[in-house]
Amino acid sequence: MKKWIVAFAAFGAIAAAPAFAGDDMAGMNMSMKPTASKDSPNAALTDAVVRKVDPASGMVTLKHGALQNVGMPAMTMAFKAKDAAMIKQIHEGDKVKVRVEDVDGTMTIVKLEKAS
């Protein structure tokens, strides 16, 4: 009878081992989305060209390079502008530098500078 108790005890220890290993990663960020440092505001600025400005909807269509901080490849796409002041300073054809972030599920231009 003692042999069976030892065997079950050993099996229980082996079965419990994976549970401990799984806890080792608790609290780790498992997101595959690239992250950008908020400490360096220019680190995530991307070159873009304004294709269309729609003040009524607050949308700006940009032909932009890769947006590393949100994991988006280069393309042409419309984005919501954070505020109306951004829209007033740009025109179709302007070269700009932008930072786009996901704000409540909407890709939003949060920083915009005219390129030199």
PDB file of N, CA and C in Angstrom:
ATOM      1  N   MET A   1       0.807  -1.191   0.000  1.00  0.00           N
ATOM      2  CA  MET A   1       0.000   0.000   0.000  1.00  0.00           C
ATOM      3  C   MET A   1       0.856   1.263   0.000  1.00  0.00           C
ATOM      4  N   LYS A   2       1.977   1.229   0.701  1.00  0.00           N
ATOM      5  CA  LYS A   2       2.850   2.392   0.750  1.00  0.00           C
ATOM      6  C   LYS A   2       3.384   2.726  -0.634  1.00  0.00           C
ATOM      7  N   LYS A   3       3.618   1.734  -1.476  1.00  0.00           N
ATOM      8  CA  LYS A   3       4.127   1.990  -2.824  1.00  0.00           C
ATOM      9  C   LYS A   3       3.131   2.820  -3.622  1.00  0.00           C
ATOM     10  N   TRP A   4       1.866   2.563  -3.477  1.00  0.00           N
ATOM     11  CA  TRP A   4       0.848   3.313  -4.205  1.00  0.00           C
ATOM     12  C   TRP A   4       0.772   4.756  -3.718  1.00  0.00           C
ATOM     13  N   ILE A   5       0.885   4.961  -2.443  1.00  0.00           N
ATOM     14  CA  ILE A   5       0.839   6.318  -1.902  1.00  0.00           C
ATOM     15  C   ILE A   5       2.016   7.131  -2.435  1.00  0.00           C
ATOM     16  N   VAL A   6       3.208   6.543  -2.459  1.00  0.00           N
ATOM     17  CA  VAL A   6       4.381   7.230  -2.991  1.00  0.00           C
ATOM     18  C   VAL A   6       4.184   7.531  -4.474  1.00  0.00           C
ATOM     19  N   ALA A   7       3.636   6.601  -5.223  1.00  0.00           N
ATOM     20  CA  ALA A   7       3.410   6.792  -6.651  1.00  0.00           C
ATOM     21  C   ALA A   7       2.412   7.925  -6.882  1.00  0.00           C
ATOM     22  N   PHE A   8       1.316   7.948  -6.131  1.00  0.00           N
ATOM     23  CA  PHE A   8       0.333   9.023  -6.290  1.00  0.00           C
ATOM     24  C   PHE A   8       0.908  10.362  -5.852  1.00  0.00           C
ATOM     25  N   ALA A   9       1.689  10.363  -4.806  1.00  0.00           N
ATOM     26  CA  ALA A   9       2.308  11.600  -4.339  1.00  0.00           C
ATOM     27  C   ALA A   9       3.263  12.137  -5.405  1.00  0.00           C
ATOM     28  N   ALA A  10       4.034  11.272  -6.010  1.00  0.00           N
ATOM     29  CA  ALA A  10       4.956  11.691  -7.060  1.00  0.00           C
ATOM     30  C   ALA A  10       4.181  12.204  -8.266  1.00  0.00           C
ATOM     31  N   PHE A  11       3.093  11.538  -8.648  1.00  0.00           N
ATOM     32  CA  PHE A  11       2.282  11.969  -9.777  1.00  0.00           C
ATOM     33  C   PHE A  11       1.669  13.332  -9.500  1.00  0.00           C
ATOM     34  N   GLY A  12       1.197  13.531  -8.288  1.00  0.00           N
ATOM     35  CA  GLY A  12       0.607  14.818  -7.920  1.00  0.00           C
ATOM     36  C   GLY A  12       1.622  15.941  -8.021  1.00  0.00           C
ATOM     37  N   ALA A  13       2.853  15.707  -7.633  1.00  0.00           N
ATOM     38  CA  ALA A  13       3.894  16.728  -7.706  1.00  0.00           C
ATOM     39  C   ALA A  13       4.214  17.072  -9.157  1.00  0.00           C
ATOM     40  N   ILE A  14       4.228  16.065 -10.012  1.00  0.00           N
ATOM     41  CA  ILE A  14       4.499  16.297 -11.430  1.00  0.00           C
ATOM     42  C   ILE A  14       3.344  17.061 -12.060  1.00  0.00           C
ATOM     43  N   ALA A  15       2.127  16.681 -11.731  1.00  0.00           N
ATOM     44  CA  ALA A  15       0.960  17.351 -12.299  1.00  0.00           C
ATOM     45  C   ALA A  15       0.884  18.804 -11.841  1.00  0.00           C
ATOM     46  N   ALA A  16       1.346  19.092 -10.643  1.00  0.00           N
ATOM     47  CA  ALA A  16       1.284  20.453 -10.125  1.00  0.00           C
ATOM     48  C   ALA A  16       2.382  21.344 -10.702  1.00  0.00           C
ATOM     49  N   ALA A  17       3.453  20.766 -11.176  1.00  0.00           N
ATOM     50  CA  ALA A  17       4.591  21.554 -11.657  1.00  0.00           C
ATOM     51  C   ALA A  17       4.217  22.547 -12.760  1.00  0.00           C
ATOM     52  N   PRO A  18       3.425  22.166 -13.776  1.00  0.00           N
ATOM     53  CA  PRO A  18       3.100  23.147 -14.812  1.00  0.00           C
ATOM     54  C   PRO A  18       2.329  24.347 -14.271  1.00  0.00           C
ATOM     55  N   ALA A  19       1.519  24.168 -13.243  1.00  0.00           N
ATOM     56  CA  ALA A  19       0.777  25.292 -12.678  1.00  0.00           C
ATOM     57  C   ALA A  19       1.742  26.330 -12.112  1.00  0.00           C
ATOM     58  N   PHE A  20       2.820  25.884 -11.479  1.00  0.00           N
ATOM     59  CA  PHE A  20       3.800  26.824 -10.950  1.00  0.00           C
ATOM     60  C   PHE A  20       4.518  27.535 -12.088  1.00  0.00           C
ATOM     61  N   ALA A  21       4.839  26.823 -13.142  1.00  0.00           N
ATOM     62  CA  ALA A  21       5.552  27.427 -14.274  1.00  0.00           C
ATOM     63  C   ALA A  21       4.689  28.497 -14.926  1.00  0.00           C
ATOM     64  N   GLY A  22       3.375  28.247 -15.012  1.00  0.00           N
ATOM     65  CA  GLY A  22       2.481  29.225 -15.627  1.00  0.00           C
ATOM     66  C   GLY A  22       2.413  30.514 -14.830  1.00  0.00           C
ATOM     67  N   ASP A  23       2.533  30.430 -13.515  1.00  0.00           N
ATOM     68  CA  ASP A  23       2.476  31.619 -12.684  1.00  0.00           C
ATOM     69  C   ASP A  23       3.716  32.486 -12.826  1.00  0.00           C
ATOM     70  N   ASP A  24       4.813  31.912 -13.307  1.00  0.00           N
ATOM     71  CA  ASP A  24       6.042  32.678 -13.457  1.00  0.00           C
ATOM     72  C   ASP A  24       5.858  33.825 -14.448  1.00  0.00           C
ATOM     73  N   MET A  25       4.895  33.717 -15.370  1.00  0.00           N
ATOM     74  CA  MET A  25       4.705  34.729 -16.396  1.00  0.00           C
ATOM     75  C   MET A  25       3.510  35.621 -16.096  1.00  0.00           C
ATOM     76  N   ALA A  26       2.872  35.426 -14.940  1.00  0.00           N
ATOM     77  CA  ALA A  26       1.742  36.268 -14.576  1.00  0.00           C
ATOM     78  C   ALA A  26       2.216  37.706 -14.484  1.00  0.00           C
ATOM     79  N   GLY A  27       1.451  38.607 -15.029  1.00  0.00           N
ATOM     80  CA  GLY A  27       1.796  40.019 -14.974  1.00  0.00           C
ATOM     81  C   GLY A  27       2.670  40.499 -16.116  1.00  0.00           C
ATOM     82  N   MET A  28       3.137  39.598 -16.968  1.00  0.00           N
ATOM     83  CA  MET A  28       3.951  40.016 -18.107  1.00  0.00           C
ATOM     84  C   MET A  28       3.044  40.515 -19.220  1.00  0.00           C
ATOM     85  N   ASN A  29       3.472  41.530 -19.924  1.00  0.00           N
ATOM     86  CA  ASN A  29       2.725  42.045 -21.059  1.00  0.00           C
ATOM     87  C   ASN A  29       2.937  41.108 -22.238  1.00  0.00           C
ATOM     88  N   MET A  30       1.894  40.411 -22.647  1.00  0.00           N
ATOM     89  CA  MET A  30       2.001  39.440 -23.732  1.00  0.00           C
ATOM     90  C   MET A  30       1.524  40.039 -25.055  1.00  0.00           C
ATOM     91  N   SER A  31       1.287  41.327 -25.078  1.00  0.00           N
ATOM     92  CA  SER A  31       0.830  41.988 -26.286  1.00  0.00           C
ATOM     93  C   SER A  31       1.910  41.932 -27.358  1.00  0.00           C
ATOM     94  N   MET A  32       1.510  41.698 -28.585  1.00  0.00           N
ATOM     95  CA  MET A  32       2.446  41.663 -29.695  1.00  0.00           C
ATOM     96  C   MET A  32       2.589  43.049 -30.324  1.00  0.00           C
ATOM     97  N   LYS A  33       1.795  44.013 -29.847  1.00  0.00           N
ATOM     98  CA  LYS A  33       1.833  45.346 -30.414  1.00  0.00           C
ATOM     99  C   LYS A  33       3.128  46.050 -30.020  1.00  0.00           C
ATOM    100  N   PRO A  34       3.840  46.645 -30.974  1.00  0.00           N
ATOM    101  CA  PRO A  34       5.067  47.360 -30.633  1.00  0.00           C
ATOM    102  C   PRO A  34       4.765  48.511 -29.686  1.00  0.00           C
ATOM    103  N   THR A  35       5.699  48.830 -28.837  1.00  0.00           N
ATOM    104  CA  THR A  35       5.517  49.944 -27.919  1.00  0.00           C
ATOM    105  C   THR A  35       6.525  51.034 -28.244  1.00  0.00           C
ATOM    106  N   ALA A  36       6.152  52.247 -27.953  1.00  0.00           N
ATOM    107  CA  ALA A  36       7.050  53.381 -28.178  1.00  0.00           C
ATOM    108  C   ALA A  36       7.194  54.136 -26.874  1.00  0.00           C
ATOM    109  N   SER A  37       8.328  54.702 -26.686  1.00  0.00           N
ATOM    110  CA  SER A  37       8.590  55.458 -25.473  1.00  0.00           C
ATOM    111  C   SER A  37       7.840  56.776 -25.506  1.00  0.00           C
ATOM    112  N   LYS A  38       7.135  57.079 -24.428  1.00  0.00           N
ATOM    113  CA  LYS A  38       6.435  58.358 -24.327  1.00  0.00           C
ATOM    114  C   LYS A  38       7.411  59.451 -23.902  1.00  0.00           C
ATOM    115  N   ASP A  39       8.614  59.058 -23.458  1.00  0.00           N
ATOM    116  CA  ASP A  39       9.611  60.014 -23.006  1.00  0.00           C
ATOM    117  C   ASP A  39      10.193  60.815 -24.159  1.00  0.00           C
ATOM    118  N   SER A  40      10.245  60.252 -25.330  1.00  0.00           N
ATOM    119  CA  SER A  40      10.827  60.912 -26.483  1.00  0.00           C
ATOM    120  C   SER A  40       9.735  61.207 -27.502  1.00  0.00           C
ATOM    121  N   PRO A  41       9.158  62.411 -27.481  1.00  0.00           N
ATOM    122  CA  PRO A  41       8.015  62.714 -28.338  1.00  0.00           C
ATOM    123  C   PRO A  41       8.300  62.622 -29.829  1.00  0.00           C
ATOM    124  N   ASN A  42       9.542  62.858 -30.262  1.00  0.00           N
ATOM    125  CA  ASN A  42       9.846  62.795 -31.684  1.00  0.00           C
ATOM    126  C   ASN A  42      10.170  61.383 -32.155  1.00  0.00           C
ATOM    127  N   ALA A  43      10.360  60.455 -31.240  1.00  0.00           N
ATOM    128  CA  ALA A  43      10.731  59.087 -31.610  1.00  0.00           C
ATOM    129  C   ALA A  43       9.669  58.435 -32.479  1.00  0.00           C
ATOM    130  N   ALA A  44       8.417  58.769 -32.286  1.00  0.00           N
ATOM    131  CA  ALA A  44       7.348  58.105 -33.017  1.00  0.00           C
ATOM    132  C   ALA A  44       6.746  58.984 -34.115  1.00  0.00           C
ATOM    133  N   LEU A  45       7.387  60.088 -34.453  1.00  0.00           N
ATOM    134  CA  LEU A  45       6.867  60.913 -35.540  1.00  0.00           C
ATOM    135  C   LEU A  45       7.202  60.259 -36.871  1.00  0.00           C
ATOM    136  N   THR A  46       6.225  60.246 -37.750  1.00  0.00           N
ATOM    137  CA  THR A  46       6.354  59.579 -39.046  1.00  0.00           C
ATOM    138  C   THR A  46       6.136  60.593 -40.160  1.00  0.00           C
ATOM    139  N   ASP A  47       6.930  60.502 -41.206  1.00  0.00           N
ATOM    140  CA  ASP A  47       6.756  61.366 -42.371  1.00  0.00           C
ATOM    141  C   ASP A  47       5.473  61.000 -43.101  1.00  0.00           C
ATOM    142  N   ALA A  48       4.761  62.043 -43.566  1.00  0.00           N
ATOM    143  CA  ALA A  48       3.511  61.819 -44.286  1.00  0.00           C
ATOM    144  C   ALA A  48       3.256  62.984 -45.235  1.00  0.00           C
ATOM    145  N   VAL A  49       2.350  62.755 -46.179  1.00  0.00           N
ATOM    146  CA  VAL A  49       1.901  63.800 -47.104  1.00  0.00           C
ATOM    147  C   VAL A  49       0.386  63.877 -46.981  1.00  0.00           C
ATOM    148  N   VAL A  50      -0.135  65.095 -46.816  1.00  0.00           N
ATOM    149  CA  VAL A  50      -1.577  65.300 -46.700  1.00  0.00           C
ATOM    150  C   VAL A  50      -2.208  65.110 -48.073  1.00  0.00           C
ATOM    151  N   ARG A  51      -3.157  64.185 -48.164  1.00  0.00           N
ATOM    152  CA  ARG A  51      -3.868  63.926 -49.425  1.00  0.00           C
ATOM    153  C   ARG A  51      -5.224  64.619 -49.448  1.00  0.00           C
ATOM    154  N   LYS A  52      -5.866  64.743 -48.269  1.00  0.00           N
ATOM    155  CA  LYS A  52      -7.191  65.366 -48.212  1.00  0.00           C
ATOM    156  C   LYS A  52      -7.433  65.859 -46.793  1.00  0.00           C
ATOM    157  N   VAL A  53      -8.106  67.000 -46.681  1.00  0.00           N
ATOM    158  CA  VAL A  53      -8.495  67.548 -45.382  1.00  0.00           C
ATOM    159  C   VAL A  53     -10.008  67.748 -45.411  1.00  0.00           C
ATOM    160  N   ASP A  54     -10.711  67.188 -44.437  1.00  0.00           N
ATOM    161  CA  ASP A  54     -12.169  67.330 -44.361  1.00  0.00           C
ATOM    162  C   ASP A  54     -12.530  67.951 -43.014  1.00  0.00           C
ATOM    163  N   PRO A  55     -12.604  69.298 -42.968  1.00  0.00           N
ATOM    164  CA  PRO A  55     -12.891  69.974 -41.705  1.00  0.00           C
ATOM    165  C   PRO A  55     -14.245  69.589 -41.097  1.00  0.00           C
ATOM    166  N   ALA A  56     -15.229  69.299 -41.940  1.00  0.00           N
ATOM    167  CA  ALA A  56     -16.564  68.959 -41.430  1.00  0.00           C
ATOM    168  C   ALA A  56     -16.553  67.688 -40.579  1.00  0.00           C
ATOM    169  N   SER A  57     -15.773  66.689 -41.004  1.00  0.00           N
ATOM    170  CA  SER A  57     -15.730  65.423 -40.257  1.00  0.00           C
ATOM    171  C   SER A  57     -14.538  65.344 -39.306  1.00  0.00           C
ATOM    172  N   GLY A  58     -13.590  66.293 -39.461  1.00  0.00           N
ATOM    173  CA  GLY A  58     -12.391  66.258 -38.631  1.00  0.00           C
ATOM    174  C   GLY A  58     -11.400  65.191 -39.069  1.00  0.00           C
ATOM    175  N   MET A  59     -11.508  64.751 -40.329  1.00  0.00           N
ATOM    176  CA  MET A  59     -10.652  63.692 -40.854  1.00  0.00           C
ATOM    177  C   MET A  59      -9.569  64.267 -41.773  1.00  0.00           C
ATOM    178  N   VAL A  60      -8.399  63.619 -41.720  1.00  0.00           N
ATOM    179  CA  VAL A  60      -7.271  63.983 -42.581  1.00  0.00           C
ATOM    180  C   VAL A  60      -6.783  62.696 -43.238  1.00  0.00           C
ATOM    181  N   THR A  61      -6.713  62.704 -44.567  1.00  0.00           N
ATOM    182  CA  THR A  61      -6.178  61.548 -45.287  1.00  0.00           C
ATOM    183  C   THR A  61      -4.695  61.778 -45.511  1.00  0.00           C
ATOM    184  N   LEU A  62      -3.900  60.811 -45.068  1.00  0.00           N
ATOM    185  CA  LEU A  62      -2.442  60.902 -45.162  1.00  0.00           C
ATOM    186  C   LEU A  62      -1.880  59.737 -45.949  1.00  0.00           C
ATOM    187  N   LYS A  63      -0.857  60.019 -46.744  1.00  0.00           N
ATOM    188  CA  LYS A  63      -0.006  58.970 -47.306  1.00  0.00           C
ATOM    189  C   LYS A  63       1.186  58.957 -46.356  1.00  0.00           C
ATOM    190  N   HIS A  64       1.294  57.900 -45.560  1.00  0.00           N
ATOM    191  CA  HIS A  64       2.274  57.905 -44.471  1.00  0.00           C
ATOM    192  C   HIS A  64       3.217  56.715 -44.533  1.00  0.00           C
ATOM    193  N   GLY A  65       4.359  56.889 -43.876  1.00  0.00           N
ATOM    194  CA  GLY A  65       5.300  55.793 -43.695  1.00  0.00           C
ATOM    195  C   GLY A  65       4.767  54.862 -42.605  1.00  0.00           C
ATOM    196  N   ALA A  66       5.546  53.846 -42.282  1.00  0.00           N
ATOM    197  CA  ALA A  66       5.137  52.890 -41.252  1.00  0.00           C
ATOM    198  C   ALA A  66       4.952  53.601 -39.916  1.00  0.00           C
ATOM    199  N   LEU A  67       3.837  53.304 -39.257  1.00  0.00           N
ATOM    200  CA  LEU A  67       3.545  53.860 -37.929  1.00  0.00           C
ATOM    201  C   LEU A  67       3.932  52.791 -36.914  1.00  0.00           C
ATOM    202  N   GLN A  68       5.185  52.821 -36.496  1.00  0.00           N
ATOM    203  CA  GLN A  68       5.740  51.768 -35.651  1.00  0.00           C
ATOM    204  C   GLN A  68       4.997  51.613 -34.326  1.00  0.00           C
ATOM    205  N   ASN A  69       4.590  52.724 -33.717  1.00  0.00           N
ATOM    206  CA  ASN A  69       3.974  52.637 -32.394  1.00  0.00           C
ATOM    207  C   ASN A  69       2.596  51.972 -32.396  1.00  0.00           C
ATOM    208  N   VAL A  70       1.950  51.877 -33.543  1.00  0.00           N
ATOM    209  CA  VAL A  70       0.655  51.187 -33.621  1.00  0.00           C
ATOM    210  C   VAL A  70       0.719  49.965 -34.537  1.00  0.00           C
ATOM    211  N   GLY A  71       1.911  49.651 -35.024  1.00  0.00           N
ATOM    212  CA  GLY A  71       2.093  48.447 -35.840  1.00  0.00           C
ATOM    213  C   GLY A  71       1.436  48.511 -37.203  1.00  0.00           C
ATOM    214  N   MET A  72       1.421  49.690 -37.823  1.00  0.00           N
ATOM    215  CA  MET A  72       0.768  49.863 -39.125  1.00  0.00           C
ATOM    216  C   MET A  72       1.815  50.090 -40.218  1.00  0.00           C
ATOM    217  N   PRO A  73       1.731  49.348 -41.322  1.00  0.00           N
ATOM    218  CA  PRO A  73       2.674  49.564 -42.432  1.00  0.00           C
ATOM    219  C   PRO A  73       2.346  50.857 -43.175  1.00  0.00           C
ATOM    220  N   ALA A  74       3.236  51.259 -44.056  1.00  0.00           N
ATOM    221  CA  ALA A  74       3.018  52.454 -44.874  1.00  0.00           C
ATOM    222  C   ALA A  74       1.792  52.256 -45.762  1.00  0.00           C
ATOM    223  N   MET A  75       0.985  53.310 -45.870  1.00  0.00           N
ATOM    224  CA  MET A  75      -0.226  53.263 -46.707  1.00  0.00           C
ATOM    225  C   MET A  75      -0.837  54.653 -46.782  1.00  0.00           C
ATOM    226  N   THR A  76      -1.963  54.757 -47.473  1.00  0.00           N
ATOM    227  CA  THR A  76      -2.757  55.984 -47.484  1.00  0.00           C
ATOM    228  C   THR A  76      -4.046  55.681 -46.747  1.00  0.00           C
ATOM    229  N   MET A  77      -4.344  56.521 -45.748  1.00  0.00           N
ATOM    230  CA  MET A  77      -5.501  56.251 -44.884  1.00  0.00           C
ATOM    231  C   MET A  77      -5.992  57.549 -44.256  1.00  0.00           C
ATOM    232  N   ALA A  78      -7.292  57.596 -43.952  1.00  0.00           N
ATOM    233  CA  ALA A  78      -7.875  58.751 -43.263  1.00  0.00           C
ATOM    234  C   ALA A  78      -7.800  58.530 -41.756  1.00  0.00           C
ATOM    235  N   PHE A  79      -7.459  59.600 -41.042  1.00  0.00           N
ATOM    236  CA  PHE A  79      -7.355  59.574 -39.591  1.00  0.00           C
ATOM    237  C   PHE A  79      -8.159  60.717 -38.999  1.00  0.00           C
ATOM    238  N   LYS A  80      -8.663  60.500 -37.809  1.00  0.00           N
ATOM    239  CA  LYS A  80      -9.332  61.549 -37.052  1.00  0.00           C
ATOM    240  C   LYS A  80      -8.255  62.475 -36.497  1.00  0.00           C
ATOM    241  N   ALA A  81      -8.465  63.785 -36.587  1.00  0.00           N
ATOM    242  CA  ALA A  81      -7.540  64.745 -35.994  1.00  0.00           C
ATOM    243  C   ALA A  81      -7.945  64.972 -34.545  1.00  0.00           C
ATOM    244  N   LYS A  82      -6.962  65.070 -33.663  1.00  0.00           N
ATOM    245  CA  LYS A  82      -7.221  65.252 -32.228  1.00  0.00           C
ATOM    246  C   LYS A  82      -8.032  66.519 -31.980  1.00  0.00           C
ATOM    247  N   ASP A  83      -7.694  67.580 -32.707  1.00  0.00           N
ATOM    248  CA  ASP A  83      -8.445  68.827 -32.533  1.00  0.00           C
ATOM    249  C   ASP A  83      -8.501  69.612 -33.845  1.00  0.00           C
ATOM    250  N   ALA A  84      -9.421  70.582 -33.881  1.00  0.00           N
ATOM    251  CA  ALA A  84      -9.657  71.363 -35.101  1.00  0.00           C
ATOM    252  C   ALA A  84      -8.458  72.230 -35.469  1.00  0.00           C
ATOM    253  N   ALA A  85      -7.644  72.611 -34.506  1.00  0.00           N
ATOM    254  CA  ALA A  85      -6.485  73.457 -34.794  1.00  0.00           C
ATOM    255  C   ALA A  85      -5.522  72.754 -35.739  1.00  0.00           C
ATOM    256  N   MET A  86      -5.408  71.442 -35.638  1.00  0.00           N
ATOM    257  CA  MET A  86      -4.537  70.682 -36.541  1.00  0.00           C
ATOM    258  C   MET A  86      -5.007  70.822 -37.980  1.00  0.00           C
ATOM    259  N   ILE A  87      -6.293  70.720 -38.173  1.00  0.00           N
ATOM    260  CA  ILE A  87      -6.866  70.768 -39.523  1.00  0.00           C
ATOM    261  C   ILE A  87      -6.685  72.139 -40.158  1.00  0.00           C
ATOM    262  N   LYS A  88      -6.762  73.188 -39.340  1.00  0.00           N
ATOM    263  CA  LYS A  88      -6.642  74.552 -39.861  1.00  0.00           C
ATOM    264  C   LYS A  88      -5.234  74.874 -40.356  1.00  0.00           C
ATOM    265  N   GLN A  89      -4.211  74.171 -39.860  1.00  0.00           N
ATOM    266  CA  GLN A  89      -2.835  74.504 -40.237  1.00  0.00           C
ATOM    267  C   GLN A  89      -2.306  73.731 -41.438  1.00  0.00           C
ATOM    268  N   ILE A  90      -3.082  72.789 -41.983  1.00  0.00           N
ATOM    269  CA  ILE A  90      -2.573  71.978 -43.094  1.00  0.00           C
ATOM    270  C   ILE A  90      -3.468  72.070 -44.327  1.00  0.00           C
ATOM    271  N   HIS A  91      -2.845  71.775 -45.456  1.00  0.00           N
ATOM    272  CA  HIS A  91      -3.552  71.782 -46.744  1.00  0.00           C
ATOM    273  C   HIS A  91      -3.117  70.563 -47.550  1.00  0.00           C
ATOM    274  N   GLU A  92      -3.923  70.220 -48.526  1.00  0.00           N
ATOM    275  CA  GLU A  92      -3.591  69.113 -49.429  1.00  0.00           C
ATOM    276  C   GLU A  92      -2.207  69.333 -50.035  1.00  0.00           C
ATOM    277  N   GLY A  93      -1.369  68.299 -50.006  1.00  0.00           N
ATOM    278  CA  GLY A  93      -0.029  68.371 -50.568  1.00  0.00           C
ATOM    279  C   GLY A  93       1.055  68.717 -49.551  1.00  0.00           C
ATOM    280  N   ASP A  94       0.670  69.181 -48.358  1.00  0.00           N
ATOM    281  CA  ASP A  94       1.661  69.517 -47.329  1.00  0.00           C
ATOM    282  C   ASP A  94       2.411  68.275 -46.866  1.00  0.00           C
ATOM    283  N   LYS A  95       3.723  68.449 -46.638  1.00  0.00           N
ATOM    284  CA  LYS A  95       4.520  67.387 -46.031  1.00  0.00           C
ATOM    285  C   LYS A  95       4.494  67.630 -44.525  1.00  0.00           C
ATOM    286  N   VAL A  96       4.186  66.589 -43.784  1.00  0.00           N
ATOM    287  CA  VAL A  96       4.047  66.710 -42.335  1.00  0.00           C
ATOM    288  C   VAL A  96       4.748  65.556 -41.621  1.00  0.00           C
ATOM    289  N   LYS A  97       4.887  65.699 -40.327  1.00  0.00           N
ATOM    290  CA  LYS A  97       5.345  64.625 -39.446  1.00  0.00           C
ATOM    291  C   LYS A  97       4.217  64.430 -38.447  1.00  0.00           C
ATOM    292  N   VAL A  98       3.823  63.163 -38.246  1.00  0.00           N
ATOM    293  CA  VAL A  98       2.674  62.897 -37.390  1.00  0.00           C
ATOM    294  C   VAL A  98       2.964  61.795 -36.374  1.00  0.00           C
ATOM    295  N   ARG A  99       2.198  61.832 -35.318  1.00  0.00           N
ATOM    296  CA  ARG A  99       2.139  60.714 -34.371  1.00  0.00           C
ATOM    297  C   ARG A  99       0.676  60.307 -34.325  1.00  0.00           C
ATOM    298  N   VAL A 100       0.437  59.050 -34.619  1.00  0.00           N
ATOM    299  CA  VAL A 100      -0.910  58.496 -34.596  1.00  0.00           C
ATOM    300  C   VAL A 100      -0.991  57.507 -33.444  1.00  0.00           C
ATOM    301  N   GLU A 101      -2.095  57.558 -32.702  1.00  0.00           N
ATOM    302  CA  GLU A 101      -2.325  56.626 -31.603  1.00  0.00           C
ATOM    303  C   GLU A 101      -3.756  56.114 -31.674  1.00  0.00           C
ATOM    304  N   ASP A 102      -3.975  54.958 -31.084  1.00  0.00           N
ATOM    305  CA  ASP A 102      -5.317  54.392 -30.963  1.00  0.00           C
ATOM    306  C   ASP A 102      -5.964  55.053 -29.750  1.00  0.00           C
ATOM    307  N   VAL A 103      -6.944  55.927 -29.995  1.00  0.00           N
ATOM    308  CA  VAL A 103      -7.646  56.625 -28.922  1.00  0.00           C
ATOM    309  C   VAL A 103      -9.069  56.087 -28.887  1.00  0.00           C
ATOM    310  N   ASP A 104      -9.365  55.290 -27.885  1.00  0.00           N
ATOM    311  CA  ASP A 104     -10.692  54.693 -27.717  1.00  0.00           C
ATOM    312  C   ASP A 104     -11.157  53.961 -28.973  1.00  0.00           C
ATOM    313  N   GLY A 105     -10.239  53.250 -29.611  1.00  0.00           N
ATOM    314  CA  GLY A 105     -10.585  52.443 -30.782  1.00  0.00           C
ATOM    315  C   GLY A 105     -10.542  53.183 -32.104  1.00  0.00           C
ATOM    316  N   THR A 106     -10.171  54.463 -32.092  1.00  0.00           N
ATOM    317  CA  THR A 106     -10.093  55.254 -33.324  1.00  0.00           C
ATOM    318  C   THR A 106      -8.663  55.699 -33.537  1.00  0.00           C
ATOM    319  N   MET A 107      -8.119  55.417 -34.717  1.00  0.00           N
ATOM    320  CA  MET A 107      -6.776  55.863 -35.045  1.00  0.00           C
ATOM    321  C   MET A 107      -6.819  57.383 -35.183  1.00  0.00           C
ATOM    322  N   THR A 108      -6.068  58.060 -34.309  1.00  0.00           N
ATOM    323  CA  THR A 108      -6.171  59.509 -34.179  1.00  0.00           C
ATOM    324  C   THR A 108      -4.796  60.170 -34.295  1.00  0.00           C
ATOM    325  N   ILE A 109      -4.735  61.281 -35.045  1.00  0.00           N
ATOM    326  CA  ILE A 109      -3.504  62.063 -35.107  1.00  0.00           C
ATOM    327  C   ILE A 109      -3.455  62.865 -33.809  1.00  0.00           C
ATOM    328  N   VAL A 110      -2.462  62.566 -32.972  1.00  0.00           N
ATOM    329  CA  VAL A 110      -2.346  63.249 -31.684  1.00  0.00           C
ATOM    330  C   VAL A 110      -1.265  64.324 -31.710  1.00  0.00           C
ATOM    331  N   LYS A 111      -0.376  64.265 -32.707  1.00  0.00           N
ATOM    332  CA  LYS A 111       0.644  65.298 -32.870  1.00  0.00           C
ATOM    333  C   LYS A 111       0.893  65.471 -34.354  1.00  0.00           C
ATOM    334  N   LEU A 112       0.990  66.720 -34.786  1.00  0.00           N
ATOM    335  CA  LEU A 112       1.199  67.019 -36.198  1.00  0.00           C
ATOM    336  C   LEU A 112       2.100  68.236 -36.321  1.00  0.00           C
ATOM    337  N   GLU A 113       3.150  68.107 -37.115  1.00  0.00           N
ATOM    338  CA  GLU A 113       4.071  69.217 -37.382  1.00  0.00           C
ATOM    339  C   GLU A 113       4.291  69.291 -38.884  1.00  0.00           C
ATOM    340  N   LYS A 114       4.343  70.508 -39.400  1.00  0.00           N
ATOM    341  CA  LYS A 114       4.714  70.677 -40.813  1.00  0.00           C
ATOM    342  C   LYS A 114       6.190  70.332 -40.943  1.00  0.00           C
ATOM    343  N   ALA A 115       6.517  69.568 -41.972  1.00  0.00           N
ATOM    344  CA  ALA A 115       7.912  69.186 -42.214  1.00  0.00           C
ATOM    345  C   ALA A 115       8.642  70.335 -42.891  1.00  0.00           C
ATOM    346  N   SER A 116       9.926  70.429 -42.648  1.00  0.00           N
ATOM    347  CA  SER A 116      10.720  71.491 -43.273  1.00  0.00           C
ATOM    348  C   SER A 116      11.213  71.080 -44.629  1.00  0.00           C
TER     349      SER A 116
END
